[in-house]
C-alpha cells in the first residue's frame, strides 16, 4: 500500500473512532436514545464495509455502487445525538445512502459542534478545500477567531459548564429510571434487614464497595441462600452473631488469599469482614470461625473501651471518637494508654476541674469538645478541623495530647460555635426549600461548604422555572465541578455551582 493510501486509511480510522466513542449507546441513560444510537452504530459499521469506502481509502474511483443505493431502503436516514461540553445534546441525522464525502462531512460537522479535536484531512482531499472555502465565505475573521476558541479541545480552566446545566439534566430525566433505582434501594434495604435478623448481627454494611443497590441486594441474597442450604448440614458454632457487625469490603480479599478465615474477625472492633469476591464456602468458613469465646473477647474489649472513654470524659471533659483511618487496635491502645495516665487524676477533683475548664467547652455549649483519633501515619501533629474537632494521631503520648488540648481549645471553641451557627442556617434553608419546592429530602454530599450549600438552595428557590420540576424528588448538593446525575437511591445530585 502506498503512503497516500496509508494516510487515508489512518484518517478514516481516526474519524471513525472519534465518532463512535461519542455516539456509543453506553454514554447515554435514556432507553430511546440508547436504542437509536445502537441502530446508528450498527448501520454505520455496515456502511463503512461497503466497496466505496474501501475505494476511497485506496484513492480509486467509486465504480461499485454501494448496497444502500441499490436497495433504496426507506430506513437510510438515521438520527443521532452528540453530547456537547455544556451537557446539552446536538441532534442531527446521517444519510447512509449518501456518498463517502457527504457521510464524512456530516460526521466531521457533528464532531466539530461538540468540540472534538478533528484529525487533519489528507492532502488534496476535497473535504479540506470545501470546509475552508465554506468557512471563509460564510464567516468573518472575527467569527473564525471565536469559533476556534469555542471548539478548542485543549484542557483549560475555561468556562465550559459541561454537565452542570440543571435545565438540560431535568429535561432528559427518565421517571422510569428514578423509580427503578428507588425500588432497587428498597430491595437492598430489605435484603440487609433479612440478613441481620437471620444471622442476628448487630448491623450489616456494604457501602464501602461502591456498588449499586441492585448488586448489593444480590450479594445479600447469596448470604441468605448460604444460611438456607448449609445451616442444617454444617451448623454454626454460635446461635447468634451479636454484637458482631458484618461488613463487606474489598480489603477482606487479602484474608481470603491467605486462607485464614479466623483473621476475618476483628475482636477489637467487633467487625466480621467478608470479601464479595469470595465463594460461598469461603464465607461459610469465615462464619464458622466465630465461636462463643471470641464473642466474649469482643464484649470484653467493648466494655473496656467504654470504661476508658468514661474516664477520659470525666477527667478532661471531652468526647473521643475513632477516625476513618484509625484501626480498631490503634484506637483501643490509645484509649488504654491515655486512660491509665489520667486515672490518678480522676479522684483529684481540683486538678480534674482545672483541666476541664482549660480544655473543654463551656457548660452552655450543646456538645462537648470532640477528639478525633486518626492513624499515626496520617496525622503526625495536632490540628483543629473546620468543624471544631481536635484531630490527633493514635501514637501521640499523653503529654502531647494534654498540651494540644490546652493550646488548641480556644480555636476549637470558636470554630465549633461558627459550625453550629452555619448548621442552624442550613437547617432553615433546607426547611424553606422543602416547603417552597416540594422536595422530600435535601442533603449535602461530598465536599461542599455551608455557604455554597445555602447559596445553591437560595438560587433554586429564586429560579421558579427550574424549581417547579424538583417537586417530589430528593435533592443532594455536592461540590464544584461535578456533573448533575442521578444517585443510586433515585435522588437528584447537582453541583452547588449549577447553571
Protein backbone atom coordinates (compact mmCIF):
# COMPACT_ATOMS: atom_id res chain seq x y z
CA UNK A 1 0.00 0.00 0.00
CA UNK A 2 1.36 3.42 -0.95
CA UNK A 3 1.99 6.16 1.57
CA UNK A 4 -1.02 8.20 0.42
CA UNK A 5 -3.31 5.20 0.83
CA UNK A 6 -1.94 4.61 4.30
CA UNK A 7 -2.63 8.24 5.25
CA UNK A 8 -6.23 7.93 4.05
CA UNK A 9 -6.74 4.68 5.97
CA UNK A 10 -5.34 6.20 9.16
CA UNK A 11 -7.51 9.29 8.69
CA UNK A 12 -10.63 7.17 8.20
CA UNK A 13 -9.82 5.09 11.27
CA UNK A 14 -9.33 8.19 13.43
CA UNK A 15 -12.56 9.80 12.31
CA UNK A 16 -14.47 6.57 12.84
CA UNK A 17 -13.01 6.05 16.30
CA UNK A 18 -13.69 9.64 17.41
CA UNK A 19 -17.27 9.44 16.18
CA UNK A 20 -18.11 6.01 17.59
CA UNK A 21 -16.73 6.95 21.00
CA UNK A 22 -19.16 9.88 21.17
CA UNK A 23 -22.25 8.13 19.82
CA UNK A 24 -21.82 4.88 21.74
CA UNK A 25 -25.06 3.86 23.48
CA UNK A 26 -23.34 3.40 26.84
CA UNK A 27 -22.77 7.16 27.08
CA UNK A 28 -26.50 7.82 27.43
CA UNK A 29 -29.14 6.93 30.01
CA UNK A 30 -32.36 7.32 28.04
CA UNK A 31 -33.57 3.96 26.67
CA UNK A 32 -34.90 5.58 23.50
CA UNK A 33 -31.61 7.36 22.82
CA UNK A 34 -29.64 4.20 23.55
CA UNK A 35 -31.64 2.16 21.04
CA UNK A 36 -31.37 4.99 18.49
CA UNK A 37 -27.60 5.17 18.91
CA UNK A 38 -27.29 1.39 18.68
CA UNK A 39 -29.08 1.36 15.32
CA UNK A 40 -26.79 4.11 14.06
CA UNK A 41 -23.61 2.32 15.15
CA UNK A 42 -24.70 -0.92 13.50
CA UNK A 43 -25.73 0.79 10.26
CA UNK A 44 -22.56 2.88 10.09
CA UNK A 45 -20.36 -0.17 10.66
CA UNK A 46 -22.11 -1.97 7.81
CA UNK A 47 -21.88 1.11 5.60
CA UNK A 48 -18.15 1.52 6.12
CA UNK A 49 -17.59 -2.06 4.98
CA UNK A 50 -19.03 -1.24 1.55
CA UNK A 51 -16.82 -1.14 -1.52
CA UNK A 52 -16.98 2.63 -2.00
CA UNK A 53 -15.38 3.23 1.41
CA UNK A 54 -12.61 0.79 0.51
CA UNK A 55 -12.11 2.52 -2.83
CA UNK A 56 -12.00 5.92 -1.11
CA UNK A 57 -9.18 4.77 1.17
CA UNK A 58 -7.26 3.41 -1.83
CA UNK A 59 -7.83 6.59 -3.90
CA UNK A 60 -9.81 4.69 -6.52
CA UNK A 61 -12.90 5.74 -8.44
CA UNK A 62 -16.11 4.68 -6.76
CA UNK A 63 -17.09 2.35 -9.60
CA UNK A 64 -19.12 -0.02 -7.47
CA UNK A 65 -22.48 1.26 -6.31
CA UNK A 66 -22.98 0.63 -2.58
CA UNK A 67 -25.69 -1.68 -1.36
CA UNK A 68 -27.53 1.19 0.32
CA UNK A 69 -28.02 2.89 -3.05
CA UNK A 70 -29.18 -0.30 -4.76
CA UNK A 71 -31.77 -1.16 -2.14
CA UNK A 72 -33.25 2.35 -1.91
CA UNK A 73 -34.50 1.44 1.53
CA UNK A 74 -36.63 3.93 3.38
CA UNK A 75 -34.59 3.41 6.57
CA UNK A 76 -31.43 5.06 5.27
CA UNK A 77 -31.80 8.15 7.47
CA UNK A 78 -30.52 7.57 11.00
CA UNK A 79 -30.99 10.33 13.59
CA UNK A 80 -28.47 10.53 16.42
CA UNK A 81 -27.33 12.82 19.21
CA UNK A 82 -23.95 14.03 20.44
CA UNK A 83 -23.28 15.48 23.89
CA UNK A 84 -21.78 18.96 23.95
CA UNK A 85 -19.38 20.28 26.54
CA UNK A 86 -22.16 22.07 28.39
CA UNK A 87 -24.08 18.82 28.80
CA UNK A 88 -26.69 19.62 26.15
CA UNK A 89 -27.37 17.48 23.07
CA UNK A 90 -26.62 18.23 19.43
CA UNK A 91 -29.19 16.42 17.31
CA UNK A 92 -28.77 15.65 13.62
CA UNK A 93 -29.13 12.73 11.21
CA UNK A 94 -26.92 10.72 8.89
CA UNK A 95 -27.87 9.70 5.35
CA UNK A 96 -26.46 6.22 4.81
CA UNK A 97 -27.24 6.23 1.08
CA UNK A 98 -25.05 9.30 0.50
CA UNK A 99 -21.53 9.29 -0.87
CA UNK A 100 -18.44 8.81 1.24
CA UNK A 101 -17.57 12.52 1.22
CA UNK A 102 -21.06 13.52 2.34
CA UNK A 103 -21.06 10.99 5.18
CA UNK A 104 -17.62 12.13 6.33
CA UNK A 105 -18.70 15.77 6.14
CA UNK A 106 -21.74 15.04 8.33
CA UNK A 107 -19.61 13.17 10.86
CA UNK A 108 -16.97 15.91 10.97
CA UNK A 109 -19.65 18.59 11.36
CA UNK A 110 -21.13 16.75 14.34
CA UNK A 111 -17.72 16.30 15.95
CA UNK A 112 -16.98 19.97 15.44
CA UNK A 113 -20.25 21.00 17.10
CA UNK A 114 -19.36 19.11 20.29
CA UNK A 115 -15.82 20.49 20.43
CA UNK A 116 -13.89 17.38 19.43
CA UNK A 117 -10.35 17.67 18.14
CA UNK A 118 -10.60 16.81 14.44
CA UNK A 119 -7.81 14.93 12.67
CA UNK A 120 -6.15 16.67 9.74
CA UNK A 121 -7.57 15.52 6.39
CA UNK A 122 -5.09 14.02 3.92
CA UNK A 123 -3.51 16.42 1.45
CA UNK A 124 -5.54 17.06 -1.66
CA UNK A 125 -8.76 15.79 -0.11
CA UNK A 126 -11.86 17.79 -1.12
CA UNK A 127 -13.10 17.97 2.48
CA UNK A 128 -10.18 20.20 3.34
CA UNK A 129 -10.86 22.58 0.46
CA UNK A 130 -14.63 22.59 0.79
CA UNK A 131 -14.57 23.23 4.51
CA UNK A 132 -12.07 26.04 4.21
CA UNK A 133 -13.91 27.72 1.34
CA UNK A 134 -17.27 27.46 3.05
CA UNK A 135 -15.90 28.82 6.28
CA UNK A 136 -14.30 31.80 4.61
CA UNK A 137 -17.38 32.56 2.56
CA UNK A 138 -19.89 32.40 5.43
CA UNK A 139 -17.87 33.86 8.30
CA UNK A 140 -15.75 36.85 9.09
CA UNK A 141 -12.28 36.76 10.66
CA UNK A 142 -13.87 37.67 13.99
CA UNK A 143 -16.22 34.71 13.75
CA UNK A 144 -13.33 32.43 12.82
CA UNK A 145 -11.46 33.54 15.93
CA UNK A 146 -14.49 32.99 18.15
CA UNK A 147 -15.11 29.58 16.60
CA UNK A 148 -11.53 28.47 17.13
CA UNK A 149 -11.80 29.37 20.81
CA UNK A 150 -15.23 27.78 21.18
CA UNK A 151 -14.19 24.40 19.85
CA UNK A 152 -10.75 24.28 21.36
CA UNK A 153 -10.19 20.81 22.77
CA UNK A 154 -7.14 21.72 24.84
CA UNK A 155 -7.58 21.42 28.61
CA UNK A 156 -8.07 24.81 30.20
CA UNK A 157 -9.90 26.26 33.20
CA UNK A 158 -12.40 27.86 30.88
CA UNK A 159 -15.84 28.25 31.39
CA UNK A 160 -17.39 25.12 29.90
CA UNK A 161 -20.42 24.28 32.05
CA UNK A 162 -20.37 20.63 30.96
CA UNK A 163 -22.82 18.56 32.95
CA UNK A 164 -23.76 21.47 35.22
CA UNK A 165 -26.81 22.58 33.25
CA UNK A 166 -29.70 21.78 35.57
CA UNK A 167 -32.40 22.51 33.00
CA UNK A 168 -30.87 20.09 30.47
CA UNK A 169 -30.47 17.47 33.17
CA UNK A 170 -34.11 17.75 34.25
CA UNK A 171 -35.38 17.74 30.66
CA UNK A 172 -33.56 14.47 29.89
CA UNK A 173 -34.58 12.82 33.16
CA UNK A 174 -36.37 9.49 32.85
CA UNK A 175 -39.07 8.82 35.51
CA UNK A 176 -38.74 5.08 34.97
CA UNK A 177 -35.06 5.22 35.87
CA UNK A 178 -35.84 7.05 39.11
CA UNK A 179 -38.49 4.54 40.16
CA UNK A 180 -36.18 1.65 39.24
CA UNK A 181 -33.39 2.97 41.43
CA UNK A 182 -35.74 3.66 44.31
CA UNK A 183 -37.10 0.13 44.14
CA UNK A 184 -33.57 -1.27 43.98
CA UNK A 185 -32.64 0.65 47.12
CA UNK A 186 -35.73 -0.70 48.90
CA UNK A 187 -34.83 -4.24 47.82
CA UNK A 188 -31.28 -3.81 49.12
CA UNK A 189 -32.51 -2.48 52.47
CA UNK A 190 -34.99 -5.34 52.79
CA UNK A 191 -32.29 -7.91 51.99
CA UNK A 192 -29.92 -6.33 54.51
CA UNK A 193 -32.62 -6.41 57.18
CA UNK A 194 -33.31 -10.08 56.43
CA UNK A 195 -29.60 -10.93 56.76
CA UNK A 196 -29.30 -9.03 60.02
CA UNK A 197 -32.30 -10.77 61.55
CA UNK A 198 -31.43 -14.23 60.23
CA UNK A 199 -27.83 -14.24 61.45
CA UNK A 200 -28.57 -11.87 64.35
CA UNK A 201 -25.81 -9.41 63.52
CA UNK A 202 -25.75 -6.05 65.19
CA UNK A 203 -25.55 -4.40 61.76
CA UNK A 204 -24.65 -5.20 58.15
CA UNK A 205 -22.88 -2.84 55.78
CA UNK A 206 -21.78 -2.95 52.13
CA UNK A 207 -21.50 0.76 51.36
CA UNK A 208 -17.70 0.71 51.08
CA UNK A 209 -17.96 -1.42 47.94
CA UNK A 210 -19.45 1.43 45.92
CA UNK A 211 -21.88 -0.97 44.24
CA UNK A 212 -25.35 -0.19 43.03
CA UNK A 213 -28.30 -1.20 45.19
CA UNK A 214 -29.30 -3.93 42.76
CA UNK A 215 -25.92 -5.65 43.07
CA UNK A 216 -25.86 -5.20 46.85
CA UNK A 217 -29.27 -6.87 47.08
CA UNK A 218 -27.91 -9.80 45.05
CA UNK A 219 -24.94 -10.02 47.42
CA UNK A 220 -27.18 -10.21 50.47
CA UNK A 221 -29.38 -12.82 48.81
CA UNK A 222 -26.30 -15.01 48.38
CA UNK A 223 -25.81 -14.82 52.13
CA UNK A 224 -29.45 -15.75 52.72
CA UNK A 225 -29.13 -18.75 50.40
CA UNK A 226 -25.97 -19.79 52.22
CA UNK A 227 -27.84 -19.97 55.51
CA UNK A 228 -30.69 -21.88 53.90
CA UNK A 229 -28.56 -24.59 52.31
CA UNK A 230 -25.72 -25.05 54.83
CA UNK A 231 -27.13 -24.17 58.23
CA UNK A 232 -28.55 -27.65 58.86
CA UNK A 233 -25.77 -29.69 57.24
CA UNK A 234 -22.95 -27.63 58.77
CA UNK A 235 -24.36 -25.59 61.67
CA UNK A 236 -22.54 -22.57 63.01
CA UNK A 237 -20.78 -22.65 66.35
CA UNK A 238 -22.96 -19.86 67.77
CA UNK A 239 -26.70 -19.29 67.63
CA UNK A 240 -26.35 -15.51 67.43
CA UNK A 241 -23.59 -13.34 65.99
CA UNK A 242 -24.49 -10.36 68.16
CA UNK A 243 -22.70 -7.94 68.85
CA UNK A 244 -20.69 -8.51 65.64
CA UNK A 245 -21.13 -6.14 62.69
CA UNK A 246 -20.90 -7.67 59.22
CA UNK A 247 -19.01 -5.56 56.68
CA UNK A 248 -18.44 -6.43 53.03
CA UNK A 249 -15.13 -4.95 51.94
CA UNK A 250 -12.71 -5.41 49.08
CA UNK A 251 -9.87 -5.22 51.60
CA UNK A 252 -11.09 -8.53 53.03
CA UNK A 253 -9.88 -10.27 49.87
CA UNK A 254 -6.37 -10.37 51.37
CA UNK A 255 -7.68 -12.60 54.13
CA UNK A 256 -9.22 -14.95 51.58
CA UNK A 257 -5.95 -15.14 49.66
CA UNK A 258 -4.05 -16.03 52.83
CA UNK A 259 -6.64 -18.72 53.60
CA UNK A 260 -7.04 -17.50 57.18
CA UNK A 261 -10.77 -17.36 57.90
CA UNK A 262 -10.14 -16.58 61.58
CA UNK A 263 -8.44 -13.31 60.61
CA UNK A 264 -11.68 -12.04 59.09
CA UNK A 265 -12.98 -11.23 62.58
CA UNK A 266 -11.71 -8.10 64.32
CA UNK A 267 -12.06 -8.77 68.04
CA UNK A 268 -11.28 -5.15 68.98
CA UNK A 269 -13.93 -3.53 66.83
CA UNK A 270 -16.37 -6.44 66.65
CA UNK A 271 -16.33 -6.46 62.84
CA UNK A 272 -16.55 -9.51 60.59
CA UNK A 273 -15.22 -8.61 57.14
CA UNK A 274 -16.17 -10.67 54.11
CA UNK A 275 -14.99 -10.24 50.55
CA UNK A 276 -17.67 -10.04 47.83
CA UNK A 277 -15.32 -11.97 45.53
CA UNK A 278 -15.14 -14.98 47.86
CA UNK A 279 -17.07 -18.15 47.25
CA UNK A 280 -19.93 -19.33 49.43
CA UNK A 281 -17.68 -21.93 51.03
CA UNK A 282 -15.15 -19.25 51.99
CA UNK A 283 -17.95 -17.24 53.56
CA UNK A 284 -19.06 -20.36 55.40
CA UNK A 285 -15.55 -20.92 56.77
CA UNK A 286 -15.35 -17.32 58.00
CA UNK A 287 -18.75 -17.58 59.70
CA UNK A 288 -17.84 -20.93 61.22
CA UNK A 289 -14.67 -19.42 62.73
CA UNK A 290 -16.82 -17.32 65.10
CA UNK A 291 -17.02 -19.04 68.47
CA UNK A 292 -18.53 -18.10 71.80
CA UNK A 293 -15.04 -17.47 73.21
CA UNK A 294 -14.32 -14.90 70.51
CA UNK A 295 -17.66 -13.20 71.12
CA UNK A 296 -16.79 -12.94 74.80
CA UNK A 297 -13.46 -11.42 73.82
CA UNK A 298 -15.28 -8.84 71.70
CA UNK A 299 -17.62 -7.98 74.55
CA UNK A 300 -14.66 -7.58 76.91
CA UNK A 301 -12.89 -5.16 74.57
CA UNK A 302 -16.07 -3.15 74.05
CA UNK A 303 -16.67 -2.85 77.79
CA UNK A 304 -13.05 -1.79 78.31
CA UNK A 305 -13.26 0.88 75.61
CA UNK A 306 -16.45 2.20 77.17
CA UNK A 307 -14.76 2.41 80.57
CA UNK A 308 -11.71 4.12 79.09
CA UNK A 309 -13.90 6.68 77.31
CA UNK A 310 -15.78 7.45 80.53
CA UNK A 311 -12.51 8.00 82.37
CA UNK A 312 -11.23 10.40 79.71
CA UNK A 313 -14.53 12.28 79.66
CA UNK A 314 -14.69 12.60 83.43
CA UNK A 315 -11.14 13.97 83.67
CA UNK A 316 -10.83 16.08 80.51
CA UNK A 317 -14.48 16.70 79.68
CA UNK A 318 -14.02 15.67 76.04
CA UNK A 319 -15.62 13.06 73.81
CA UNK A 320 -13.31 10.65 71.98
CA UNK A 321 -14.15 9.22 68.54
CA UNK A 322 -12.37 6.90 66.15
CA UNK A 323 -11.46 8.32 62.75
CA UNK A 324 -11.84 6.51 59.45
CA UNK A 325 -8.11 5.94 59.02
CA UNK A 326 -7.51 4.59 62.52
CA UNK A 327 -7.69 0.85 63.05
CA UNK A 328 -9.56 -0.62 65.99
CA UNK A 329 -6.34 -1.94 67.53
CA UNK A 330 -4.71 1.51 67.43
CA UNK A 331 -7.84 3.13 68.85
CA UNK A 332 -8.01 0.62 71.71
CA UNK A 333 -4.32 1.13 72.52
CA UNK A 334 -4.74 4.91 72.54
CA UNK A 335 -7.70 4.80 74.90
CA UNK A 336 -5.97 2.35 77.19
CA UNK A 337 -2.73 4.35 77.34
CA UNK A 338 -4.43 7.72 77.88
CA UNK A 339 -6.92 6.49 80.48
CA UNK A 340 -4.20 4.81 82.54
CA UNK A 341 -2.26 8.08 82.58
CA UNK A 342 -5.35 10.04 83.60
CA UNK A 343 -6.65 7.55 86.15
CA UNK A 344 -4.75 9.11 89.10
CA UNK A 345 -6.34 12.46 88.23
CA UNK A 346 -9.88 11.09 88.31
CA UNK A 347 -10.02 11.14 92.12
CA UNK A 348 -8.26 14.53 92.32
CA UNK A 349 -11.27 16.81 91.96
CA UNK A 350 -9.34 20.10 91.91
CA UNK A 351 -6.90 19.09 89.15
CA UNK A 352 -9.67 17.43 87.15
CA UNK A 353 -11.79 20.58 87.29
CA UNK A 354 -8.83 22.71 86.21
CA UNK A 355 -8.23 20.51 83.17
CA UNK A 356 -11.90 20.59 82.23
CA UNK A 357 -12.05 24.39 82.39
CA UNK A 358 -8.93 24.77 80.25
CA UNK A 359 -9.69 22.14 77.63
CA UNK A 360 -13.43 21.58 77.34
CA UNK A 361 -16.27 23.75 76.13
CA UNK A 362 -18.37 25.86 78.49
CA UNK A 363 -21.35 24.24 80.15
CA UNK A 364 -23.81 26.09 77.91
CA UNK A 365 -22.36 24.53 74.73
CA UNK A 366 -24.62 22.00 73.05
CA UNK A 367 -21.87 19.43 72.56
CA UNK A 368 -18.54 18.83 74.30
CA UNK A 369 -15.21 19.04 72.58
CA UNK A 370 -14.64 16.11 70.21
CA UNK A 371 -11.24 14.47 69.98
CA UNK A 372 -10.91 12.53 66.70
CA UNK A 373 -8.24 9.82 66.64
CA UNK A 374 -6.67 9.07 63.26
CA UNK A 375 -3.89 6.76 62.14
CA UNK A 376 -0.44 7.83 63.28
CA UNK A 377 0.90 7.75 59.71
CA UNK A 378 -1.73 10.24 58.51
CA UNK A 379 -1.86 12.59 61.50
CA UNK A 380 1.55 13.49 62.89
CA UNK A 381 0.64 16.75 64.61
CA UNK A 382 -2.49 18.01 66.35
CA UNK A 383 -4.82 20.08 64.19
CA UNK A 384 -8.28 21.62 64.52
CA UNK A 385 -10.78 20.85 61.78
CA UNK A 386 -13.33 23.27 60.36
CA UNK A 387 -16.00 21.55 62.48
CA UNK A 388 -14.09 22.41 65.65
CA UNK A 389 -12.81 18.89 66.29
CA UNK A 390 -9.32 18.20 67.59
CA UNK A 391 -7.61 15.64 65.36
CA UNK A 392 -4.84 13.60 66.97
CA UNK A 393 -2.65 10.69 65.98
CA UNK A 394 -3.05 7.34 67.67
CA UNK A 395 0.66 7.17 68.57
CA UNK A 396 0.76 10.51 70.46
CA UNK A 397 1.65 10.34 74.12
CA UNK A 398 -0.31 11.84 76.98
CA UNK A 399 1.89 14.94 77.27
CA UNK A 400 1.36 15.83 73.62
CA UNK A 401 -2.39 15.28 73.94
CA UNK A 402 -2.76 17.49 77.02
CA UNK A 403 -0.59 20.26 75.55
CA UNK A 404 -2.56 20.19 72.30
CA UNK A 405 -5.87 20.38 74.14
CA UNK A 406 -4.68 23.31 76.23
CA UNK A 407 -3.29 25.29 73.29
CA UNK A 408 -5.93 24.50 70.67
CA UNK A 409 -9.08 24.59 72.78
CA UNK A 410 -9.81 28.31 72.12
CA UNK A 411 -9.56 27.78 68.37
CA UNK A 412 -11.71 24.68 68.61
CA UNK A 413 -14.35 26.55 70.60
CA UNK A 414 -14.52 29.35 68.04
CA UNK A 415 -14.77 27.02 65.05
CA UNK A 416 -17.31 24.85 66.81
CA UNK A 417 -19.53 27.85 67.55
CA UNK A 418 -19.28 29.00 63.92
CA UNK A 419 -20.07 25.49 62.77
CA UNK A 420 -23.21 25.36 64.92
CA UNK A 421 -24.38 28.73 63.56
CA UNK A 422 -23.88 27.55 59.98
CA UNK A 423 -25.73 24.32 60.71
CA UNK A 424 -28.71 26.22 62.06
CA UNK A 425 -28.75 28.40 58.95
CA UNK A 426 -28.50 25.31 56.78
CA UNK A 427 -31.49 23.74 58.53
CA UNK A 428 -33.54 26.87 57.91
CA UNK A 429 -32.67 26.89 54.20
CA UNK A 430 -33.46 23.19 53.91
CA UNK A 431 -36.87 23.66 55.53
CA UNK A 432 -37.62 26.62 53.28
CA UNK A 433 -36.56 24.69 50.16
CA UNK A 434 -38.66 21.68 51.12
CA UNK A 435 -41.69 23.88 51.70
CA UNK A 436 -41.44 26.04 48.57
CA UNK A 437 -40.08 23.47 46.10
CA UNK A 438 -41.89 20.40 47.42
CA UNK A 439 -38.70 18.40 47.99
CA UNK A 440 -38.85 15.23 50.02
CA UNK A 441 -35.30 15.39 51.34
CA UNK A 442 -32.37 17.80 50.96
CA UNK A 443 -28.84 16.87 51.96
CA UNK A 444 -25.20 17.75 51.32
CA UNK A 445 -22.90 15.15 49.80
CA UNK A 446 -19.22 15.23 49.01
CA UNK A 447 -17.17 18.28 49.93
CA UNK A 448 -19.30 21.42 49.95
CA UNK A 449 -19.16 24.36 52.33
CA UNK A 450 -22.15 25.72 54.21
CA UNK A 451 -22.02 28.98 52.26
CA UNK A 452 -22.04 27.25 48.88
CA UNK A 453 -24.82 24.92 50.02
CA UNK A 454 -27.05 27.74 51.24
CA UNK A 455 -26.36 29.85 48.14
CA UNK A 456 -27.30 26.96 45.88
CA UNK A 457 -30.61 26.46 47.69
CA UNK A 458 -31.33 30.18 47.51
CA UNK A 459 -30.78 30.16 43.75
CA UNK A 460 -33.13 27.19 43.38
CA UNK A 461 -35.85 28.96 45.34
CA UNK A 462 -35.50 32.16 43.31
CA UNK A 463 -35.43 30.32 39.97
CA UNK A 464 -39.02 29.15 39.82
CA UNK A 465 -38.80 27.61 36.34
CA UNK A 466 -36.20 25.09 37.45
CA UNK A 467 -37.54 24.65 40.95
CA UNK A 468 -41.00 23.55 39.85
CA UNK A 469 -39.52 20.41 38.25
CA UNK A 470 -37.96 19.30 41.55
CA UNK A 471 -41.21 18.63 43.39
CA UNK A 472 -41.45 15.14 44.84
CA UNK A 473 -37.73 14.39 44.48
CA UNK A 474 -34.86 14.14 46.93
CA UNK A 475 -32.04 16.59 46.26
CA UNK A 476 -28.35 16.27 47.04
CA UNK A 477 -25.91 19.17 46.63
CA UNK A 478 -22.27 18.33 46.07
CA UNK A 479 -19.02 20.20 45.44
CA UNK A 480 -17.97 22.30 42.47
CA UNK A 481 -17.14 20.98 39.00
CA UNK A 482 -19.26 17.87 39.45
CA UNK A 483 -21.91 16.73 37.00
CA UNK A 484 -25.64 16.64 37.55
CA UNK A 485 -26.52 12.98 37.93
CA UNK A 486 -28.97 10.55 39.39
CA UNK A 487 -27.87 8.94 42.65
CA UNK A 488 -28.20 5.27 43.41
CA UNK A 489 -31.26 5.85 45.59
CA UNK A 490 -33.03 7.87 42.87
CA UNK A 491 -32.27 11.29 44.31
CA UNK A 492 -31.06 14.17 42.15
CA UNK A 493 -27.46 15.22 42.82
CA UNK A 494 -26.34 18.60 41.48
CA UNK A 495 -23.18 20.70 41.99
CA UNK A 496 -23.61 23.84 44.04
CA UNK A 497 -22.45 25.93 41.05
CA UNK A 498 -25.11 24.60 38.69
CA UNK A 499 -26.07 26.71 35.71
